[in-house]
PDB file of N, CA and C in Angstrom:
ATOM      1  N   MET A   1       1.705 -17.468   6.255  1.00  0.00           N
ATOM      2  CA  MET A   1       0.681 -17.145   6.186  1.00  0.00           C
ATOM      3  C   MET A   1       0.910 -15.506   5.880  1.00  0.00           C
ATOM      4  N   LYS A   2       0.535 -14.774   6.034  1.00  0.00           N
ATOM      5  CA  LYS A   2       0.583 -13.316   5.656  1.00  0.00           C
ATOM      6  C   LYS A   2      -0.319 -12.258   6.208  1.00  0.00           C
ATOM      7  N   PHE A   3      -0.160 -11.051   6.808  1.00  0.00           N
ATOM      8  CA  PHE A   3      -1.200 -10.442   7.544  1.00  0.00           C
ATOM      9  C   PHE A   3      -0.749  -9.169   7.354  1.00  0.00           C
ATOM     10  N   LEU A   4      -1.968  -8.027   6.544  1.00  0.00           N
ATOM     11  CA  LEU A   4      -1.948  -7.218   6.335  1.00  0.00           C
ATOM     12  C   LEU A   4      -2.933  -6.312   7.346  1.00  0.00           C
ATOM     13  N   PHE A   5      -2.523  -5.505   7.563  1.00  0.00           N
ATOM     14  CA  PHE A   5      -2.940  -4.522   8.877  1.00  0.00           C
ATOM     15  C   PHE A   5      -3.238  -3.407   8.068  1.00  0.00           C
ATOM     16  N   LEU A   6      -4.481  -3.301   8.208  1.00  0.00           N
ATOM     17  CA  LEU A   6      -4.917  -1.715   7.169  1.00  0.00           C
ATOM     18  C   LEU A   6      -4.777  -0.749   7.921  1.00  0.00           C
ATOM     19  N   VAL A   7      -5.322  -0.982   9.475  1.00  0.00           N
ATOM     20  CA  VAL A   7      -5.325  -0.180  10.686  1.00  0.00           C
ATOM     21  C   VAL A   7      -4.319  -0.166  11.729  1.00  0.00           C
ATOM     22  N   PRO A   8      -4.078   0.840  12.174  1.00  0.00           N
ATOM     23  CA  PRO A   8      -3.559   0.251  13.494  1.00  0.00           C
ATOM     24  C   PRO A   8      -4.022   0.048  14.584  1.00  0.00           C
ATOM     25  N   LEU A   9      -5.439   0.158  15.254  1.00  0.00           N
ATOM     26  CA  LEU A   9      -6.010  -0.475  16.258  1.00  0.00           C
ATOM     27  C   LEU A   9      -5.928  -1.667  15.991  1.00  0.00           C
ATOM     28  N   LEU A  10      -5.430  -2.139  14.975  1.00  0.00           N
ATOM     29  CA  LEU A  10      -6.067  -4.102  15.281  1.00  0.00           C
ATOM     30  C   LEU A  10      -4.785  -4.660  15.647  1.00  0.00           C
ATOM     31  N   ALA A  11      -5.149  -5.504  15.836  1.00  0.00           N
ATOM     32  CA  ALA A  11      -4.372  -6.044  16.347  1.00  0.00           C
ATOM     33  C   ALA A  11      -4.741  -8.130  16.968  1.00  0.00           C
ATOM     34  N   ALA A  12      -3.801  -8.875  15.682  1.00  0.00           N
ATOM     35  CA  ALA A  12      -3.754 -10.587  16.134  1.00  0.00           C
ATOM     36  C   ALA A  12      -3.858 -11.401  16.562  1.00  0.00           C
ATOM     37  N   LEU A  13      -4.054 -12.449  16.635  1.00  0.00           N
ATOM     38  CA  LEU A  13      -3.623 -13.888  17.885  1.00  0.00           C
ATOM     39  C   LEU A  13      -4.022 -14.975  16.738  1.00  0.00           C
ATOM     40  N   LEU A  14      -3.322 -15.762  16.374  1.00  0.00           N
ATOM     41  CA  LEU A  14      -2.383 -16.904  16.058  1.00  0.00           C
ATOM     42  C   LEU A  14      -3.248 -18.080  16.918  1.00  0.00           C
ATOM     43  N   VAL A  15      -4.324 -18.573  16.898  1.00  0.00           N
ATOM     44  CA  VAL A  15      -5.038 -19.065  18.286  1.00  0.00           C
ATOM     45  C   VAL A  15      -5.011 -21.094  17.715  1.00  0.00           C
ATOM     46  N   ALA A  16      -4.359 -21.136  16.580  1.00  0.00           N
ATOM     47  CA  ALA A  16      -4.914 -22.337  16.628  1.00  0.00           C
ATOM     48  C   ALA A  16      -3.624 -22.283  14.620  1.00  0.00           C
ATOM     49  N   GLY A  17      -2.650 -23.705  15.032  1.00  0.00           N
ATOM     50  CA  GLY A  17      -2.156 -23.290  13.492  1.00  0.00           C
ATOM     51  C   GLY A  17      -1.478 -24.199  13.284  1.00  0.00           C
ATOM     52  N   CYS A  18      -1.710 -25.664  13.773  1.00  0.00           N
ATOM     53  CA  CYS A  18      -0.828 -26.906  13.554  1.00  0.00           C
ATOM     54  C   CYS A  18      -1.975 -26.931  12.236  1.00  0.00           C
ATOM     55  N   GLY A  19      -1.170 -28.218  11.207  1.00  0.00           N
ATOM     56  CA  GLY A  19      -1.554 -28.417  10.198  1.00  0.00           C
ATOM     57  C   GLY A  19      -2.073 -27.408   8.829  1.00  0.00           C
ATOM     58  N   GLU A  20      -2.543 -27.722   7.915  1.00  0.00           N
ATOM     59  CA  GLU A  20      -3.495 -26.423   7.062  1.00  0.00           C
ATOM     60  C   GLU A  20      -4.534 -25.665   7.612  1.00  0.00           C
ATOM     61  N   LYS A  21      -5.031 -25.946   8.879  1.00  0.00           N
ATOM     62  CA  LYS A  21      -6.304 -25.020   8.698  1.00  0.00           C
ATOM     63  C   LYS A  21      -5.294 -24.211  10.275  1.00  0.00           C
ATOM     64  N   GLN A  22      -5.768 -22.489  10.172  1.00  0.00           N
ATOM     65  CA  GLN A  22      -4.861 -21.868  11.278  1.00  0.00           C
ATOM     66  C   GLN A  22      -6.102 -20.889  11.532  1.00  0.00           C
ATOM     67  N   GLU A  23      -6.837 -20.812  12.513  1.00  0.00           N
ATOM     68  CA  GLU A  23      -7.694 -20.074  13.340  1.00  0.00           C
ATOM     69  C   GLU A  23      -7.595 -18.482  14.145  1.00  0.00           C
ATOM     70  N   VAL A  24      -8.032 -17.310  13.636  1.00  0.00           N
ATOM     71  CA  VAL A  24      -6.706 -16.405  13.675  1.00  0.00           C
ATOM     72  C   VAL A  24      -7.829 -15.813  14.449  1.00  0.00           C
ATOM     73  N   VAL A  25      -7.762 -14.677  15.828  1.00  0.00           N
ATOM     74  CA  VAL A  25      -8.762 -13.821  16.312  1.00  0.00           C
ATOM     75  C   VAL A  25      -8.086 -12.295  16.552  1.00  0.00           C
ATOM     76  N   SER A  26      -9.179 -11.285  15.769  1.00  0.00           N
ATOM     77  CA  SER A  26      -8.571  -9.991  15.631  1.00  0.00           C
ATOM     78  C   SER A  26      -9.521  -9.326  16.462  1.00  0.00           C
ATOM     79  N   PHE A  27      -8.511  -8.574  17.374  1.00  0.00           N
ATOM     80  CA  PHE A  27      -8.677  -7.598  18.266  1.00  0.00           C
ATOM     81  C   PHE A  27      -8.646  -6.330  17.667  1.00  0.00           C
ATOM     82  N   LEU A  28     -10.018  -5.049  18.281  1.00  0.00           N
ATOM     83  CA  LEU A  28      -9.790  -3.986  18.484  1.00  0.00           C
ATOM     84  C   LEU A  28      -8.518  -3.617  19.712  1.00  0.00           C
ATOM     85  N   GLU A  29      -8.098  -1.707  19.509  1.00  0.00           N
ATOM     86  CA  GLU A  29      -7.055  -1.058  20.710  1.00  0.00           C
ATOM     87  C   GLU A  29      -7.996  -1.733  22.300  1.00  0.00           C
ATOM     88  N   ASN A  30      -8.958  -1.104  21.992  1.00  0.00           N
ATOM     89  CA  ASN A  30      -9.938  -1.144  22.724  1.00  0.00           C
ATOM     90  C   ASN A  30      -9.895  -2.949  23.964  1.00  0.00           C
ATOM     91  N   GLY A  31      -9.500  -3.820  23.508  1.00  0.00           N
ATOM     92  CA  GLY A  31      -9.698  -4.711  23.728  1.00  0.00           C
ATOM     93  C   GLY A  31     -10.843  -6.155  23.007  1.00  0.00           C
ATOM     94  N   GLN A  32     -11.393  -5.446  22.018  1.00  0.00           N
ATOM     95  CA  GLN A  32     -12.652  -5.252  21.797  1.00  0.00           C
ATOM     96  C   GLN A  32     -12.691  -6.724  21.066  1.00  0.00           C
ATOM     97  N   LYS A  33     -13.273  -7.786  20.641  1.00  0.00           N
ATOM     98  CA  LYS A  33     -13.034  -8.604  19.707  1.00  0.00           C
ATOM     99  C   LYS A  33     -13.403  -8.517  18.424  1.00  0.00           C
ATOM    100  N   ALA A  34     -12.533  -7.834  17.661  1.00  0.00           N
ATOM    101  CA  ALA A  34     -13.536  -7.381  16.222  1.00  0.00           C
ATOM    102  C   ALA A  34     -14.009  -8.457  14.743  1.00  0.00           C
ATOM    103  N   GLY A  35     -12.928 -10.352  15.584  1.00  0.00           N
ATOM    104  CA  GLY A  35     -13.523 -10.718  14.320  1.00  0.00           C
ATOM    105  C   GLY A  35     -12.508 -12.363  14.358  1.00  0.00           C
ATOM    106  N   GLU A  36     -12.694 -13.123  14.354  1.00  0.00           N
ATOM    107  CA  GLU A  36     -12.764 -14.345  14.339  1.00  0.00           C
ATOM    108  C   GLU A  36     -12.576 -14.966  12.922  1.00  0.00           C
ATOM    109  N   HIS A  37     -11.397 -15.682  12.282  1.00  0.00           N
ATOM    110  CA  HIS A  37     -11.129 -16.104  10.463  1.00  0.00           C
ATOM    111  C   HIS A  37     -10.702 -17.550  10.831  1.00  0.00           C
ATOM    112  N   THR A  38     -10.929 -18.371   9.822  1.00  0.00           N
ATOM    113  CA  THR A  38     -10.411 -19.941   9.623  1.00  0.00           C
ATOM    114  C   THR A  38     -10.149 -19.186   7.607  1.00  0.00           C
ATOM    115  N   TYR A  39      -8.563 -20.078   7.959  1.00  0.00           N
ATOM    116  CA  TYR A  39      -7.327 -19.898   7.333  1.00  0.00           C
ATOM    117  C   TYR A  39      -7.583 -21.527   6.709  1.00  0.00           C
ATOM    118  N   LYS A  40      -7.269 -21.820   4.851  1.00  0.00           N
ATOM    119  CA  LYS A  40      -7.327 -23.676   5.182  1.00  0.00           C
ATOM    120  C   LYS A  40      -6.089 -23.273   3.229  1.00  0.00           C
ATOM    121  N   ASP A  41      -5.122 -23.588   3.693  1.00  0.00           N
ATOM    122  CA  ASP A  41      -4.184 -23.407   2.769  1.00  0.00           C
ATOM    123  C   ASP A  41      -4.020 -22.345   2.174  1.00  0.00           C
ATOM    124  N   GLY A  42      -3.987 -21.067   2.782  1.00  0.00           N
ATOM    125  CA  GLY A  42      -3.590 -19.772   3.232  1.00  0.00           C
ATOM    126  C   GLY A  42      -4.976 -18.734   2.373  1.00  0.00           C
ATOM    127  N   GLU A  43      -6.417 -19.086   2.219  1.00  0.00           N
ATOM    128  CA  GLU A  43      -7.636 -18.729   1.869  1.00  0.00           C
ATOM    129  C   GLU A  43      -8.329 -18.517   3.195  1.00  0.00           C
ATOM    130  N   LEU A  44      -9.289 -17.645   3.323  1.00  0.00           N
ATOM    131  CA  LEU A  44     -10.194 -17.780   4.447  1.00  0.00           C
ATOM    132  C   LEU A  44     -11.451 -17.953   4.001  1.00  0.00           C
ATOM    133  N   VAL A  45     -11.807 -18.975   4.730  1.00  0.00           N
ATOM    134  CA  VAL A  45     -12.998 -20.307   4.511  1.00  0.00           C
ATOM    135  C   VAL A  45     -14.038 -19.758   5.488  1.00  0.00           C
ATOM    136  N   PHE A  46     -13.576 -19.476   6.688  1.00  0.00           N
ATOM    137  CA  PHE A  46     -14.905 -18.979   7.883  1.00  0.00           C
ATOM    138  C   PHE A  46     -14.476 -17.209   8.162  1.00  0.00           C
ATOM    139  N   GLY A  47     -15.310 -16.554   8.395  1.00  0.00           N
ATOM    140  CA  GLY A  47     -15.267 -15.311   9.268  1.00  0.00           C
ATOM    141  C   GLY A  47     -16.161 -15.041   9.800  1.00  0.00           C
ATOM    142  N   LYS A  48     -16.149 -14.539  10.551  1.00  0.00           N
ATOM    143  CA  LYS A  48     -17.188 -13.911  12.019  1.00  0.00           C
ATOM    144  C   LYS A  48     -16.973 -12.317  12.997  1.00  0.00           C
ATOM    145  N   TYR A  49     -17.669 -11.648  12.948  1.00  0.00           N
ATOM    146  CA  TYR A  49     -16.913  -9.912  12.811  1.00  0.00           C
ATOM    147  C   TYR A  49     -18.240  -9.293  14.232  1.00  0.00           C
ATOM    148  N   TRP A  50     -17.806  -8.423  14.220  1.00  0.00           N
ATOM    149  CA  TRP A  50     -18.113  -7.247  15.310  1.00  0.00           C
ATOM    150  C   TRP A  50     -17.716  -6.683  15.513  1.00  0.00           C
ATOM    151  N   ASN A  51     -18.209  -5.114  15.447  1.00  0.00           N
ATOM    152  CA  ASN A  51     -18.021  -3.600  15.443  1.00  0.00           C
ATOM    153  C   ASN A  51     -18.046  -3.100  17.139  1.00  0.00           C
ATOM    154  N   SER A  52     -17.636  -2.180  17.063  1.00  0.00           N
ATOM    155  CA  SER A  52     -17.205  -1.555  18.978  1.00  0.00           C
ATOM    156  C   SER A  52     -18.277  -1.626  19.563  1.00  0.00           C
ATOM    157  N   LYS A  53     -19.644  -2.434  19.032  1.00  0.00           N
ATOM    158  CA  LYS A  53     -21.042  -1.556  20.014  1.00  0.00           C
ATOM    159  C   LYS A  53     -20.633  -3.720  19.923  1.00  0.00           C
ATOM    160  N   GLY A  54     -20.363  -4.390  20.044  1.00  0.00           N
ATOM    161  CA  GLY A  54     -20.672  -5.712  19.743  1.00  0.00           C
ATOM    162  C   GLY A  54     -21.522  -6.511  19.162  1.00  0.00           C
ATOM    163  N   GLU A  55     -22.299  -5.973  18.244  1.00  0.00           N
ATOM    164  CA  GLU A  55     -23.260  -5.935  17.619  1.00  0.00           C
ATOM    165  C   GLU A  55     -22.404  -6.924  16.107  1.00  0.00           C
ATOM    166  N   GLU A  56     -22.764  -7.509  15.273  1.00  0.00           N
ATOM    167  CA  GLU A  56     -22.395  -8.914  14.680  1.00  0.00           C
ATOM    168  C   GLU A  56     -22.395  -8.053  13.142  1.00  0.00           C
ATOM    169  N   VAL A  57     -21.620  -8.251  12.011  1.00  0.00           N
ATOM    170  CA  VAL A  57     -21.690  -7.170  10.789  1.00  0.00           C
ATOM    171  C   VAL A  57     -20.909  -8.319  10.288  1.00  0.00           C
ATOM    172  N   GLU A  58     -21.331  -7.876   9.041  1.00  0.00           N
ATOM    173  CA  GLU A  58     -20.774  -8.709   7.959  1.00  0.00           C
ATOM    174  C   GLU A  58     -19.784  -8.551   6.920  1.00  0.00           C
ATOM    175  N   THR A  59     -19.061  -7.845   7.417  1.00  0.00           N
ATOM    176  CA  THR A  59     -17.314  -7.565   6.752  1.00  0.00           C
ATOM    177  C   THR A  59     -16.448  -7.229   7.583  1.00  0.00           C
ATOM    178  N   PHE A  60     -15.405  -7.912   8.029  1.00  0.00           N
ATOM    179  CA  PHE A  60     -14.061  -7.458   8.324  1.00  0.00           C
ATOM    180  C   PHE A  60     -13.739  -6.191   8.586  1.00  0.00           C
ATOM    181  N   LYS A  61     -14.342  -4.830   7.717  1.00  0.00           N
ATOM    182  CA  LYS A  61     -14.208  -3.245   6.970  1.00  0.00           C
ATOM    183  C   LYS A  61     -15.495  -2.808   8.478  1.00  0.00           C
ATOM    184  N   GLU A  62     -16.733  -3.432   8.809  1.00  0.00           N
ATOM    185  CA  GLU A  62     -17.820  -2.890   8.695  1.00  0.00           C
ATOM    186  C   GLU A  62     -17.269  -2.957  10.672  1.00  0.00           C
ATOM    187  N   ALA A  63     -16.429  -4.336  11.020  1.00  0.00           N
ATOM    188  CA  ALA A  63     -16.061  -4.304  12.411  1.00  0.00           C
ATOM    189  C   ALA A  63     -14.793  -3.232  12.182  1.00  0.00           C
ATOM    190  N   ILE A  64     -13.667  -2.933  11.550  1.00  0.00           N
ATOM    191  CA  ILE A  64     -12.973  -1.894  12.442  1.00  0.00           C
ATOM    192  C   ILE A  64     -13.301  -0.356  11.793  1.00  0.00           C
ATOM    193  N   LYS A  65     -14.696  -0.127  12.164  1.00  0.00           N
ATOM    194  CA  LYS A  65     -15.504   1.588  11.322  1.00  0.00           C
ATOM    195  C   LYS A  65     -15.140   2.176  12.819  1.00  0.00           C
TER     196      LYS A  65
END
């Protein structure tokens, strides 16, 4: 699995990677969670995202504005 960091204020933590599914949690520089992502066979199958106000948003791009 490859990670592409679009902005320097993100960090990602691979929280579970056994088998074919991987779960990744992304954080903003201030420690707030920006997203939860689940990948299967290298493809995104689930994503949930929050902006810096803690509001749920539709895309990861919105979360990191």
